[in-house]
Amino acid sequence: MSSRPDRLHKKLARLQNGLALTGLLCNGTVLAVKKPRKHSKEPRIVYQWTRKVKNKTVTVSLTKDQHAAFHAAVHKQRRLLELIRQMQDVSAEILLSVGNSNPKTHPKWA
């Protein structure tokens, strides 16, 4: 059976491997908004990308194809941020265990 630091280093290595799979990244929110039409029962769909720039909200209209690409990029950005958060947690556990023979002296990480 491997020791706790070995397991943590293996977990960190697995998380780091996920960094190579990111691809295109984009910050913000992507929306598909249904807008009513004056002379039709069918609503039209408007695609938008919204993000913060210098503390201001900026919205850009997108085509349907752009919407799909931006949606994937925003999802990958969020996944990457979660991956980094997990790496930080594991790294903190590893760093706290260096030279510490009693692992109960530091808090457990969620």
PDB file of N, CA and C in Angstrom:
ATOM      1  N   MET A   1       0.847  -1.179   0.000  1.00  0.00           N
ATOM      2  CA  MET A   1       0.000   0.000   0.000  1.00  0.00           C
ATOM      3  C   MET A   1       0.889   1.238   0.000  1.00  0.00           C
ATOM      4  N   SER A   2       0.550   2.234  -0.848  1.00  0.00           N
ATOM      5  CA  SER A   2       1.373   3.431  -0.944  1.00  0.00           C
ATOM      6  C   SER A   2       1.052   4.403   0.187  1.00  0.00           C
ATOM      7  N   SER A   3       2.001   5.255   0.485  1.00  0.00           N
ATOM      8  CA  SER A   3       1.817   6.216   1.573  1.00  0.00           C
ATOM      9  C   SER A   3       0.944   7.384   1.110  1.00  0.00           C
ATOM     10  N   ARG A   4       0.488   8.150   2.065  1.00  0.00           N
ATOM     11  CA  ARG A   4      -0.372   9.297   1.764  1.00  0.00           C
ATOM     12  C   ARG A   4       0.308  10.295   0.830  1.00  0.00           C
ATOM     13  N   PRO A   5       1.569  10.698   1.080  1.00  0.00           N
ATOM     14  CA  PRO A   5       2.211  11.641   0.153  1.00  0.00           C
ATOM     15  C   PRO A   5       2.320  11.083  -1.266  1.00  0.00           C
ATOM     16  N   ASP A   6       2.582   9.774  -1.387  1.00  0.00           N
ATOM     17  CA  ASP A   6       2.646   9.162  -2.724  1.00  0.00           C
ATOM     18  C   ASP A   6       1.287   9.252  -3.427  1.00  0.00           C
ATOM     19  N   ARG A   7       0.215   8.974  -2.693  1.00  0.00           N
ATOM     20  CA  ARG A   7      -1.130   9.058  -3.281  1.00  0.00           C
ATOM     21  C   ARG A   7      -1.442  10.493  -3.700  1.00  0.00           C
ATOM     22  N   LEU A   8      -1.044  11.450  -2.865  1.00  0.00           N
ATOM     23  CA  LEU A   8      -1.300  12.852  -3.206  1.00  0.00           C
ATOM     24  C   LEU A   8      -0.515  13.277  -4.444  1.00  0.00           C
ATOM     25  N   HIS A   9       0.724  12.848  -4.553  1.00  0.00           N
ATOM     26  CA  HIS A   9       1.528  13.179  -5.735  1.00  0.00           C
ATOM     27  C   HIS A   9       0.941  12.538  -6.995  1.00  0.00           C
ATOM     28  N   LYS A  10       0.421  11.322  -6.870  1.00  0.00           N
ATOM     29  CA  LYS A  10      -0.215  10.664  -8.012  1.00  0.00           C
ATOM     30  C   LYS A  10      -1.487  11.392  -8.413  1.00  0.00           C
ATOM     31  N   LYS A  11      -2.253  11.824  -7.416  1.00  0.00           N
ATOM     32  CA  LYS A  11      -3.482  12.572  -7.705  1.00  0.00           C
ATOM     33  C   LYS A  11      -3.140  13.893  -8.395  1.00  0.00           C
ATOM     34  N   LEU A  12      -2.108  14.568  -7.916  1.00  0.00           N
ATOM     35  CA  LEU A  12      -1.687  15.823  -8.536  1.00  0.00           C
ATOM     36  C   LEU A  12      -1.243  15.586  -9.982  1.00  0.00           C
ATOM     37  N   ALA A  13      -0.532  14.516 -10.233  1.00  0.00           N
ATOM     38  CA  ALA A  13      -0.087  14.200 -11.592  1.00  0.00           C
ATOM     39  C   ALA A  13      -1.285  13.949 -12.518  1.00  0.00           C
ATOM     40  N   ARG A  14      -2.312  13.235 -12.011  1.00  0.00           N
ATOM     41  CA  ARG A  14      -3.524  13.003 -12.809  1.00  0.00           C
ATOM     42  C   ARG A  14      -4.211  14.321 -13.145  1.00  0.00           C
ATOM     43  N   LEU A  15      -4.297  15.217 -12.159  1.00  0.00           N
ATOM     44  CA  LEU A  15      -4.913  16.520 -12.392  1.00  0.00           C
ATOM     45  C   LEU A  15      -4.102  17.328 -13.411  1.00  0.00           C
ATOM     46  N   GLN A  16      -2.787  17.271 -13.308  1.00  0.00           N
ATOM     47  CA  GLN A  16      -1.933  18.008 -14.237  1.00  0.00           C
ATOM     48  C   GLN A  16      -2.104  17.503 -15.669  1.00  0.00           C
ATOM     49  N   ASN A  17      -2.336  16.206 -15.831  1.00  0.00           N
ATOM     50  CA  ASN A  17      -2.577  15.664 -17.171  1.00  0.00           C
ATOM     51  C   ASN A  17      -3.811  16.294 -17.815  1.00  0.00           C
ATOM     52  N   GLY A  18      -4.775  16.667 -17.005  1.00  0.00           N
ATOM     53  CA  GLY A  18      -5.978  17.312 -17.522  1.00  0.00           C
ATOM     54  C   GLY A  18      -5.714  18.678 -18.118  1.00  0.00           C
ATOM     55  N   LEU A  19      -4.618  19.310 -17.731  1.00  0.00           N
ATOM     56  CA  LEU A  19      -4.288  20.629 -18.266  1.00  0.00           C
ATOM     57  C   LEU A  19      -3.989  20.568 -19.764  1.00  0.00           C
ATOM     58  N   ALA A  20      -3.466  19.463 -20.231  1.00  0.00           N
ATOM     59  CA  ALA A  20      -3.093  19.337 -21.640  1.00  0.00           C
ATOM     60  C   ALA A  20      -4.312  19.226 -22.551  1.00  0.00           C
ATOM     61  N   LEU A  21      -5.460  18.951 -21.994  1.00  0.00           N
ATOM     62  CA  LEU A  21      -6.659  18.710 -22.796  1.00  0.00           C
ATOM     63  C   LEU A  21      -7.590  19.913 -22.892  1.00  0.00           C
ATOM     64  N   THR A  22      -7.104  21.099 -22.552  1.00  0.00           N
ATOM     65  CA  THR A  22      -8.000  22.248 -22.460  1.00  0.00           C
ATOM     66  C   THR A  22      -8.465  22.777 -23.809  1.00  0.00           C
ATOM     67  N   GLY A  23      -7.585  23.062 -24.750  1.00  0.00           N
ATOM     68  CA  GLY A  23      -7.995  23.630 -26.034  1.00  0.00           C
ATOM     69  C   GLY A  23      -8.326  25.102 -25.901  1.00  0.00           C
ATOM     70  N   LEU A  24      -9.277  25.575 -26.705  1.00  0.00           N
ATOM     71  CA  LEU A  24      -9.662  26.983 -26.680  1.00  0.00           C
ATOM     72  C   LEU A  24     -10.428  27.305 -25.405  1.00  0.00           C
ATOM     73  N   LEU A  25     -10.120  28.454 -24.816  1.00  0.00           N
ATOM     74  CA  LEU A  25     -10.750  28.878 -23.568  1.00  0.00           C
ATOM     75  C   LEU A  25     -11.386  30.248 -23.749  1.00  0.00           C
ATOM     76  N   CYS A  26     -12.460  30.486 -23.019  1.00  0.00           N
ATOM     77  CA  CYS A  26     -13.136  31.774 -23.111  1.00  0.00           C
ATOM     78  C   CYS A  26     -13.843  32.068 -21.799  1.00  0.00           C
ATOM     79  N   ASN A  27     -13.725  33.293 -21.347  1.00  0.00           N
ATOM     80  CA  ASN A  27     -14.364  33.745 -20.130  1.00  0.00           C
ATOM     81  C   ASN A  27     -15.736  34.321 -20.481  1.00  0.00           C
ATOM     82  N   GLY A  28     -16.682  34.229 -19.576  1.00  0.00           N
ATOM     83  CA  GLY A  28     -17.974  34.865 -19.789  1.00  0.00           C
ATOM     84  C   GLY A  28     -19.118  33.876 -19.780  1.00  0.00           C
ATOM     85  N   THR A  29     -20.227  34.315 -20.403  1.00  0.00           N
ATOM     86  CA  THR A  29     -21.450  33.527 -20.462  1.00  0.00           C
ATOM     87  C   THR A  29     -21.970  33.551 -21.892  1.00  0.00           C
ATOM     88  N   VAL A  30     -22.461  32.406 -22.349  1.00  0.00           N
ATOM     89  CA  VAL A  30     -23.022  32.300 -23.688  1.00  0.00           C
ATOM     90  C   VAL A  30     -24.510  32.014 -23.547  1.00  0.00           C
ATOM     91  N   LEU A  31     -25.319  32.776 -24.285  1.00  0.00           N
ATOM     92  CA  LEU A  31     -26.768  32.661 -24.163  1.00  0.00           C
ATOM     93  C   LEU A  31     -27.420  32.430 -25.517  1.00  0.00           C
ATOM     94  N   ALA A  32     -28.520  31.716 -25.504  1.00  0.00           N
ATOM     95  CA  ALA A  32     -29.420  31.611 -26.658  1.00  0.00           C
ATOM     96  C   ALA A  32     -30.760  32.133 -26.166  1.00  0.00           C
ATOM     97  N   VAL A  33     -31.138  33.319 -26.607  1.00  0.00           N
ATOM     98  CA  VAL A  33     -32.323  34.001 -26.102  1.00  0.00           C
ATOM     99  C   VAL A  33     -33.433  33.966 -27.160  1.00  0.00           C
ATOM    100  N   LYS A  34     -34.620  33.535 -26.766  1.00  0.00           N
ATOM    101  CA  LYS A  34     -35.767  33.542 -27.679  1.00  0.00           C
ATOM    102  C   LYS A  34     -36.413  34.920 -27.642  1.00  0.00           C
ATOM    103  N   LYS A  35     -36.539  35.521 -28.833  1.00  0.00           N
ATOM    104  CA  LYS A  35     -37.171  36.838 -28.965  1.00  0.00           C
ATOM    105  C   LYS A  35     -38.442  36.683 -29.794  1.00  0.00           C
ATOM    106  N   PRO A  36     -39.537  37.299 -29.352  1.00  0.00           N
ATOM    107  CA  PRO A  36     -40.778  37.190 -30.135  1.00  0.00           C
ATOM    108  C   PRO A  36     -40.677  37.986 -31.446  1.00  0.00           C
ATOM    109  N   ARG A  37     -41.387  37.493 -32.455  1.00  0.00           N
ATOM    110  CA  ARG A  37     -41.464  38.204 -33.739  1.00  0.00           C
ATOM    111  C   ARG A  37     -42.823  38.871 -33.833  1.00  0.00           C
ATOM    112  N   LYS A  38     -42.866  39.991 -34.566  1.00  0.00           N
ATOM    113  CA  LYS A  38     -44.123  40.728 -34.696  1.00  0.00           C
ATOM    114  C   LYS A  38     -45.187  39.952 -35.463  1.00  0.00           C
ATOM    115  N   HIS A  39     -44.794  39.338 -36.575  1.00  0.00           N
ATOM    116  CA  HIS A  39     -45.782  38.738 -37.460  1.00  0.00           C
ATOM    117  C   HIS A  39     -45.649  37.218 -37.553  1.00  0.00           C
ATOM    118  N   SER A  40     -45.122  36.589 -36.520  1.00  0.00           N
ATOM    119  CA  SER A  40     -44.958  35.146 -36.543  1.00  0.00           C
ATOM    120  C   SER A  40     -45.092  34.592 -35.132  1.00  0.00           C
ATOM    121  N   LYS A  41     -45.628  33.389 -35.057  1.00  0.00           N
ATOM    122  CA  LYS A  41     -45.733  32.747 -33.748  1.00  0.00           C
ATOM    123  C   LYS A  41     -44.394  32.161 -33.308  1.00  0.00           C
ATOM    124  N   GLU A  42     -43.563  31.856 -34.293  1.00  0.00           N
ATOM    125  CA  GLU A  42     -42.250  31.278 -34.000  1.00  0.00           C
ATOM    126  C   GLU A  42     -41.286  32.366 -33.528  1.00  0.00           C
ATOM    127  N   PRO A  43     -40.691  32.196 -32.330  1.00  0.00           N
ATOM    128  CA  PRO A  43     -39.704  33.200 -31.891  1.00  0.00           C
ATOM    129  C   PRO A  43     -38.392  33.028 -32.648  1.00  0.00           C
ATOM    130  N   ARG A  44     -37.647  34.105 -32.761  1.00  0.00           N
ATOM    131  CA  ARG A  44     -36.305  33.995 -33.341  1.00  0.00           C
ATOM    132  C   ARG A  44     -35.336  33.811 -32.185  1.00  0.00           C
ATOM    133  N   ILE A  45     -34.248  33.136 -32.452  1.00  0.00           N
ATOM    134  CA  ILE A  45     -33.251  32.887 -31.411  1.00  0.00           C
ATOM    135  C   ILE A  45     -32.058  33.795 -31.653  1.00  0.00           C
ATOM    136  N   VAL A  46     -31.691  34.537 -30.622  1.00  0.00           N
ATOM    137  CA  VAL A  46     -30.556  35.442 -30.673  1.00  0.00           C
ATOM    138  C   VAL A  46     -29.447  34.852 -29.808  1.00  0.00           C
ATOM    139  N   TYR A  47     -28.263  34.729 -30.374  1.00  0.00           N
ATOM    140  CA  TYR A  47     -27.114  34.154 -29.664  1.00  0.00           C
ATOM    141  C   TYR A  47     -26.207  35.275 -29.195  1.00  0.00           C
ATOM    142  N   GLN A  48     -25.787  35.203 -27.922  1.00  0.00           N
ATOM    143  CA  GLN A  48     -24.962  36.256 -27.335  1.00  0.00           C
ATOM    144  C   GLN A  48     -23.856  35.681 -26.468  1.00  0.00           C
ATOM    145  N   TRP A  49     -22.770  36.440 -26.421  1.00  0.00           N
ATOM    146  CA  TRP A  49     -21.649  36.159 -25.523  1.00  0.00           C
ATOM    147  C   TRP A  49     -21.470  37.401 -24.670  1.00  0.00           C
ATOM    148  N   THR A  50     -21.515  37.231 -23.354  1.00  0.00           N
ATOM    149  CA  THR A  50     -21.400  38.345 -22.418  1.00  0.00           C
ATOM    150  C   THR A  50     -20.220  38.100 -21.499  1.00  0.00           C
ATOM    151  N   ARG A  51     -19.447  39.179 -21.261  1.00  0.00           N
ATOM    152  CA  ARG A  51     -18.290  39.080 -20.372  1.00  0.00           C
ATOM    153  C   ARG A  51     -18.011  40.448 -19.765  1.00  0.00           C
ATOM    154  N   LYS A  52     -17.154  40.463 -18.743  1.00  0.00           N
ATOM    155  CA  LYS A  52     -16.734  41.715 -18.106  1.00  0.00           C
ATOM    156  C   LYS A  52     -15.408  42.164 -18.701  1.00  0.00           C
ATOM    157  N   VAL A  53     -15.329  43.441 -19.077  1.00  0.00           N
ATOM    158  CA  VAL A  53     -14.099  44.056 -19.552  1.00  0.00           C
ATOM    159  C   VAL A  53     -13.954  45.386 -18.819  1.00  0.00           C
ATOM    160  N   LYS A  54     -12.875  45.520 -18.050  1.00  0.00           N
ATOM    161  CA  LYS A  54     -12.617  46.731 -17.258  1.00  0.00           C
ATOM    162  C   LYS A  54     -13.847  47.115 -16.433  1.00  0.00           C
ATOM    163  N   ASN A  55     -14.406  46.118 -15.755  1.00  0.00           N
ATOM    164  CA  ASN A  55     -15.547  46.283 -14.855  1.00  0.00           C
ATOM    165  C   ASN A  55     -16.838  46.716 -15.564  1.00  0.00           C
ATOM    166  N   LYS A  56     -16.896  46.550 -16.861  1.00  0.00           N
ATOM    167  CA  LYS A  56     -18.103  46.838 -17.637  1.00  0.00           C
ATOM    168  C   LYS A  56     -18.561  45.561 -18.319  1.00  0.00           C
ATOM    169  N   THR A  57     -19.863  45.371 -18.443  1.00  0.00           N
ATOM    170  CA  THR A  57     -20.395  44.208 -19.140  1.00  0.00           C
ATOM    171  C   THR A  57     -20.414  44.485 -20.631  1.00  0.00           C
ATOM    172  N   VAL A  58     -19.826  43.573 -21.390  1.00  0.00           N
ATOM    173  CA  VAL A  58     -19.774  43.692 -22.845  1.00  0.00           C
ATOM    174  C   VAL A  58     -20.519  42.500 -23.429  1.00  0.00           C
ATOM    175  N   THR A  59     -21.446  42.782 -24.351  1.00  0.00           N
ATOM    176  CA  THR A  59     -22.225  41.731 -24.989  1.00  0.00           C
ATOM    177  C   THR A  59     -21.970  41.771 -26.486  1.00  0.00           C
ATOM    178  N   VAL A  60     -21.755  40.604 -27.061  1.00  0.00           N
ATOM    179  CA  VAL A  60     -21.482  40.474 -28.490  1.00  0.00           C
ATOM    180  C   VAL A  60     -22.507  39.514 -29.086  1.00  0.00           C
ATOM    181  N   SER A  61     -23.082  39.879 -30.219  1.00  0.00           N
ATOM    182  CA  SER A  61     -23.988  38.985 -30.933  1.00  0.00           C
ATOM    183  C   SER A  61     -23.176  37.917 -31.656  1.00  0.00           C
ATOM    184  N   LEU A  62     -23.720  36.702 -31.678  1.00  0.00           N
ATOM    185  CA  LEU A  62     -23.028  35.576 -32.308  1.00  0.00           C
ATOM    186  C   LEU A  62     -23.926  34.901 -33.334  1.00  0.00           C
ATOM    187  N   THR A  63     -23.291  34.195 -34.262  1.00  0.00           N
ATOM    188  CA  THR A  63     -24.034  33.316 -35.154  1.00  0.00           C
ATOM    189  C   THR A  63     -24.268  31.992 -34.417  1.00  0.00           C
ATOM    190  N   LYS A  64     -25.070  31.137 -35.005  1.00  0.00           N
ATOM    191  CA  LYS A  64     -25.346  29.838 -34.386  1.00  0.00           C
ATOM    192  C   LYS A  64     -24.053  29.020 -34.263  1.00  0.00           C
ATOM    193  N   ASP A  65     -23.214  29.036 -35.305  1.00  0.00           N
ATOM    194  CA  ASP A  65     -21.941  28.302 -35.262  1.00  0.00           C
ATOM    195  C   ASP A  65     -21.002  28.888 -34.209  1.00  0.00           C
ATOM    196  N   GLN A  66     -20.937  30.222 -34.140  1.00  0.00           N
ATOM    197  CA  GLN A  66     -20.095  30.858 -33.129  1.00  0.00           C
ATOM    198  C   GLN A  66     -20.593  30.519 -31.732  1.00  0.00           C
ATOM    199  N   HIS A  67     -21.914  30.476 -31.553  1.00  0.00           N
ATOM    200  CA  HIS A  67     -22.496  30.144 -30.258  1.00  0.00           C
ATOM    201  C   HIS A  67     -22.000  28.783 -29.782  1.00  0.00           C
ATOM    202  N   ALA A  68     -21.998  27.796 -30.676  1.00  0.00           N
ATOM    203  CA  ALA A  68     -21.551  26.452 -30.307  1.00  0.00           C
ATOM    204  C   ALA A  68     -20.072  26.466 -29.912  1.00  0.00           C
ATOM    205  N   ALA A  69     -19.243  27.190 -30.675  1.00  0.00           N
ATOM    206  CA  ALA A  69     -17.806  27.253 -30.381  1.00  0.00           C
ATOM    207  C   ALA A  69     -17.550  27.984 -29.063  1.00  0.00           C
ATOM    208  N   PHE A  70     -18.228  29.106 -28.841  1.00  0.00           N
ATOM    209  CA  PHE A  70     -18.043  29.851 -27.591  1.00  0.00           C
ATOM    210  C   PHE A  70     -18.556  29.059 -26.400  1.00  0.00           C
ATOM    211  N   HIS A  71     -19.669  28.348 -26.582  1.00  0.00           N
ATOM    212  CA  HIS A  71     -20.217  27.540 -25.494  1.00  0.00           C
ATOM    213  C   HIS A  71     -19.202  26.502 -25.039  1.00  0.00           C
ATOM    214  N   ALA A  72     -18.565  25.829 -25.997  1.00  0.00           N
ATOM    215  CA  ALA A  72     -17.552  24.822 -25.664  1.00  0.00           C
ATOM    216  C   ALA A  72     -16.351  25.469 -24.972  1.00  0.00           C
ATOM    217  N   ALA A  73     -15.916  26.629 -25.452  1.00  0.00           N
ATOM    218  CA  ALA A  73     -14.752  27.308 -24.872  1.00  0.00           C
ATOM    219  C   ALA A  73     -15.031  27.791 -23.451  1.00  0.00           C
ATOM    220  N   VAL A  74     -16.230  28.298 -23.206  1.00  0.00           N
ATOM    221  CA  VAL A  74     -16.595  28.745 -21.855  1.00  0.00           C
ATOM    222  C   VAL A  74     -16.658  27.542 -20.912  1.00  0.00           C
ATOM    223  N   HIS A  75     -17.210  26.432 -21.384  1.00  0.00           N
ATOM    224  CA  HIS A  75     -17.276  25.215 -20.565  1.00  0.00           C
ATOM    225  C   HIS A  75     -15.860  24.741 -20.213  1.00  0.00           C
ATOM    226  N   LYS A  76     -14.954  24.755 -21.183  1.00  0.00           N
ATOM    227  CA  LYS A  76     -13.569  24.327 -20.937  1.00  0.00           C
ATOM    228  C   LYS A  76     -12.874  25.261 -19.959  1.00  0.00           C
ATOM    229  N   GLN A  77     -13.154  26.561 -20.054  1.00  0.00           N
ATOM    230  CA  GLN A  77     -12.573  27.538 -19.116  1.00  0.00           C
ATOM    231  C   GLN A  77     -13.011  27.220 -17.691  1.00  0.00           C
ATOM    232  N   ARG A  78     -14.295  26.933 -17.513  1.00  0.00           N
ATOM    233  CA  ARG A  78     -14.813  26.620 -16.175  1.00  0.00           C
ATOM    234  C   ARG A  78     -14.222  25.314 -15.649  1.00  0.00           C
ATOM    235  N   ARG A  79     -14.086  24.335 -16.529  1.00  0.00           N
ATOM    236  CA  ARG A  79     -13.472  23.052 -16.143  1.00  0.00           C
ATOM    237  C   ARG A  79     -12.022  23.261 -15.731  1.00  0.00           C
ATOM    238  N   LEU A  80     -11.305  24.103 -16.475  1.00  0.00           N
ATOM    239  CA  LEU A  80      -9.908  24.396 -16.146  1.00  0.00           C
ATOM    240  C   LEU A  80      -9.799  25.068 -14.781  1.00  0.00           C
ATOM    241  N   LEU A  81     -10.664  26.023 -14.497  1.00  0.00           N
ATOM    242  CA  LEU A  81     -10.624  26.705 -13.194  1.00  0.00           C
ATOM    243  C   LEU A  81     -10.898  25.724 -12.054  1.00  0.00           C
ATOM    244  N   GLU A  82     -11.822  24.781 -12.265  1.00  0.00           N
ATOM    245  CA  GLU A  82     -12.095  23.753 -11.251  1.00  0.00           C
ATOM    246  C   GLU A  82     -10.888  22.835 -11.085  1.00  0.00           C
ATOM    247  N   LEU A  83     -10.239  22.493 -12.173  1.00  0.00           N
ATOM    248  CA  LEU A  83      -9.042  21.657 -12.135  1.00  0.00           C
ATOM    249  C   LEU A  83      -7.935  22.349 -11.346  1.00  0.00           C
ATOM    250  N   ILE A  84      -7.750  23.625 -11.578  1.00  0.00           N
ATOM    251  CA  ILE A  84      -6.730  24.395 -10.855  1.00  0.00           C
ATOM    252  C   ILE A  84      -7.058  24.447  -9.368  1.00  0.00           C
ATOM    253  N   ARG A  85      -8.343  24.634  -9.035  1.00  0.00           N
ATOM    254  CA  ARG A  85      -8.735  24.665  -7.621  1.00  0.00           C
ATOM    255  C   ARG A  85      -8.403  23.340  -6.944  1.00  0.00           C
ATOM    256  N   GLN A  86      -8.681  22.229  -7.631  1.00  0.00           N
ATOM    257  CA  GLN A  86      -8.365  20.917  -7.075  1.00  0.00           C
ATOM    258  C   GLN A  86      -6.857  20.744  -6.912  1.00  0.00           C
ATOM    259  N   MET A  87      -6.090  21.223  -7.889  1.00  0.00           N
ATOM    260  CA  MET A  87      -4.626  21.129  -7.805  1.00  0.00           C
ATOM    261  C   MET A  87      -4.096  21.946  -6.625  1.00  0.00           C
ATOM    262  N   GLN A  88      -4.696  23.101  -6.382  1.00  0.00           N
ATOM    263  CA  GLN A  88      -4.292  23.925  -5.243  1.00  0.00           C
ATOM    264  C   GLN A  88      -4.553  23.207  -3.928  1.00  0.00           C
ATOM    265  N   ASP A  89      -5.710  22.553  -3.826  1.00  0.00           N
ATOM    266  CA  ASP A  89      -6.044  21.820  -2.601  1.00  0.00           C
ATOM    267  C   ASP A  89      -5.058  20.684  -2.345  1.00  0.00           C
ATOM    268  N   VAL A  90      -4.768  19.899  -3.387  1.00  0.00           N
ATOM    269  CA  VAL A  90      -3.833  18.784  -3.243  1.00  0.00           C
ATOM    270  C   VAL A  90      -2.434  19.308  -2.930  1.00  0.00           C
ATOM    271  N   SER A  91      -2.036  20.381  -3.615  1.00  0.00           N
ATOM    272  CA  SER A  91      -0.714  20.971  -3.366  1.00  0.00           C
ATOM    273  C   SER A  91      -0.587  21.441  -1.923  1.00  0.00           C
ATOM    274  N   ALA A  92      -1.638  22.052  -1.385  1.00  0.00           N
ATOM    275  CA  ALA A  92      -1.605  22.515  -0.001  1.00  0.00           C
ATOM    276  C   ALA A  92      -1.449  21.328   0.952  1.00  0.00           C
ATOM    277  N   GLU A  93      -2.146  20.229   0.672  1.00  0.00           N
ATOM    278  CA  GLU A  93      -2.000  19.030   1.514  1.00  0.00           C
ATOM    279  C   GLU A  93      -0.582  18.499   1.473  1.00  0.00           C
ATOM    280  N   ILE A  94       0.001  18.464   0.274  1.00  0.00           N
ATOM    281  CA  ILE A  94       1.380  17.982   0.135  1.00  0.00           C
ATOM    282  C   ILE A  94       2.332  18.891   0.903  1.00  0.00           C
ATOM    283  N   LEU A  95       2.179  20.200   0.723  1.00  0.00           N
ATOM    284  CA  LEU A  95       3.074  21.151   1.388  1.00  0.00           C
ATOM    285  C   LEU A  95       2.937  21.093   2.907  1.00  0.00           C
ATOM    286  N   LEU A  96       1.707  20.918   3.391  1.00  0.00           N
ATOM    287  CA  LEU A  96       1.510  20.829   4.834  1.00  0.00           C
ATOM    288  C   LEU A  96       2.073  19.535   5.417  1.00  0.00           C
ATOM    289  N   SER A  97       2.166  18.497   4.612  1.00  0.00           N
ATOM    290  CA  SER A  97       2.676  17.223   5.126  1.00  0.00           C
ATOM    291  C   SER A  97       4.201  17.155   5.125  1.00  0.00           C
ATOM    292  N   VAL A  98       4.878  18.118   4.482  1.00  0.00           N
ATOM    293  CA  VAL A  98       6.345  18.113   4.436  1.00  0.00           C
ATOM    294  C   VAL A  98       6.882  18.328   5.844  1.00  0.00           C
ATOM    295  N   GLY A  99       7.643  17.367   6.338  1.00  0.00           N
ATOM    296  CA  GLY A  99       8.265  17.473   7.658  1.00  0.00           C
ATOM    297  C   GLY A  99       7.292  17.348   8.816  1.00  0.00           C
ATOM    298  N   ASN A 100       6.072  16.957   8.543  1.00  0.00           N
ATOM    299  CA  ASN A 100       5.065  16.845   9.593  1.00  0.00           C
ATOM    300  C   ASN A 100       4.769  15.368   9.824  1.00  0.00           C
ATOM    301  N   SER A 101       5.222  14.846  10.946  1.00  0.00           N
ATOM    302  CA  SER A 101       5.008  13.428  11.233  1.00  0.00           C
ATOM    303  C   SER A 101       3.612  13.155  11.793  1.00  0.00           C
ATOM    304  N   ASN A 102       2.914  14.209  12.221  1.00  0.00           N
ATOM    305  CA  ASN A 102       1.574  14.050  12.766  1.00  0.00           C
ATOM    306  C   ASN A 102       0.579  14.755  11.840  1.00  0.00           C
ATOM    307  N   PRO A 103      -0.057  14.028  10.916  1.00  0.00           N
ATOM    308  CA  PRO A 103      -0.959  14.660   9.959  1.00  0.00           C
ATOM    309  C   PRO A 103      -2.209  15.263  10.580  1.00  0.00           C
ATOM    310  N   LYS A 104      -2.496  14.963  11.848  1.00  0.00           N
ATOM    311  CA  LYS A 104      -3.692  15.515  12.483  1.00  0.00           C
ATOM    312  C   LYS A 104      -3.485  16.958  12.951  1.00  0.00           C
ATOM    313  N   THR A 105      -2.286  17.499  12.788  1.00  0.00           N
ATOM    314  CA  THR A 105      -2.051  18.857  13.257  1.00  0.00           C
ATOM    315  C   THR A 105      -2.455  19.911  12.231  1.00  0.00           C
ATOM    316  N   HIS A 106      -2.857  19.504  11.030  1.00  0.00           N
ATOM    317  CA  HIS A 106      -3.337  20.472  10.061  1.00  0.00           C
ATOM    318  C   HIS A 106      -4.762  20.099   9.655  1.00  0.00           C
ATOM    319  N   PRO A 107      -5.544  21.099   9.212  1.00  0.00           N
ATOM    320  CA  PRO A 107      -6.953  20.815   8.894  1.00  0.00           C
ATOM    321  C   PRO A 107      -7.087  19.907   7.682  1.00  0.00           C
ATOM    322  N   LYS A 108      -8.184  19.193   7.666  1.00  0.00           N
ATOM    323  CA  LYS A 108      -8.486  18.353   6.507  1.00  0.00           C
ATOM    324  C   LYS A 108      -9.075  19.248   5.424  1.00  0.00           C
ATOM    325  N   TRP A 109      -8.732  18.926   4.192  1.00  0.00           N
ATOM    326  CA  TRP A 109      -9.199  19.723   3.046  1.00  0.00           C
ATOM    327  C   TRP A 109     -10.421  19.064   2.452  1.00  0.00           C
ATOM    328  N   ALA A 110     -11.377  19.890   2.094  1.00  0.00           N
ATOM    329  CA  ALA A 110     -12.627  19.405   1.504  1.00  0.00           C
ATOM    330  C   ALA A 110     -12.426  18.945   0.088  1.00  0.00           C
TER     331      ALA A 110
END
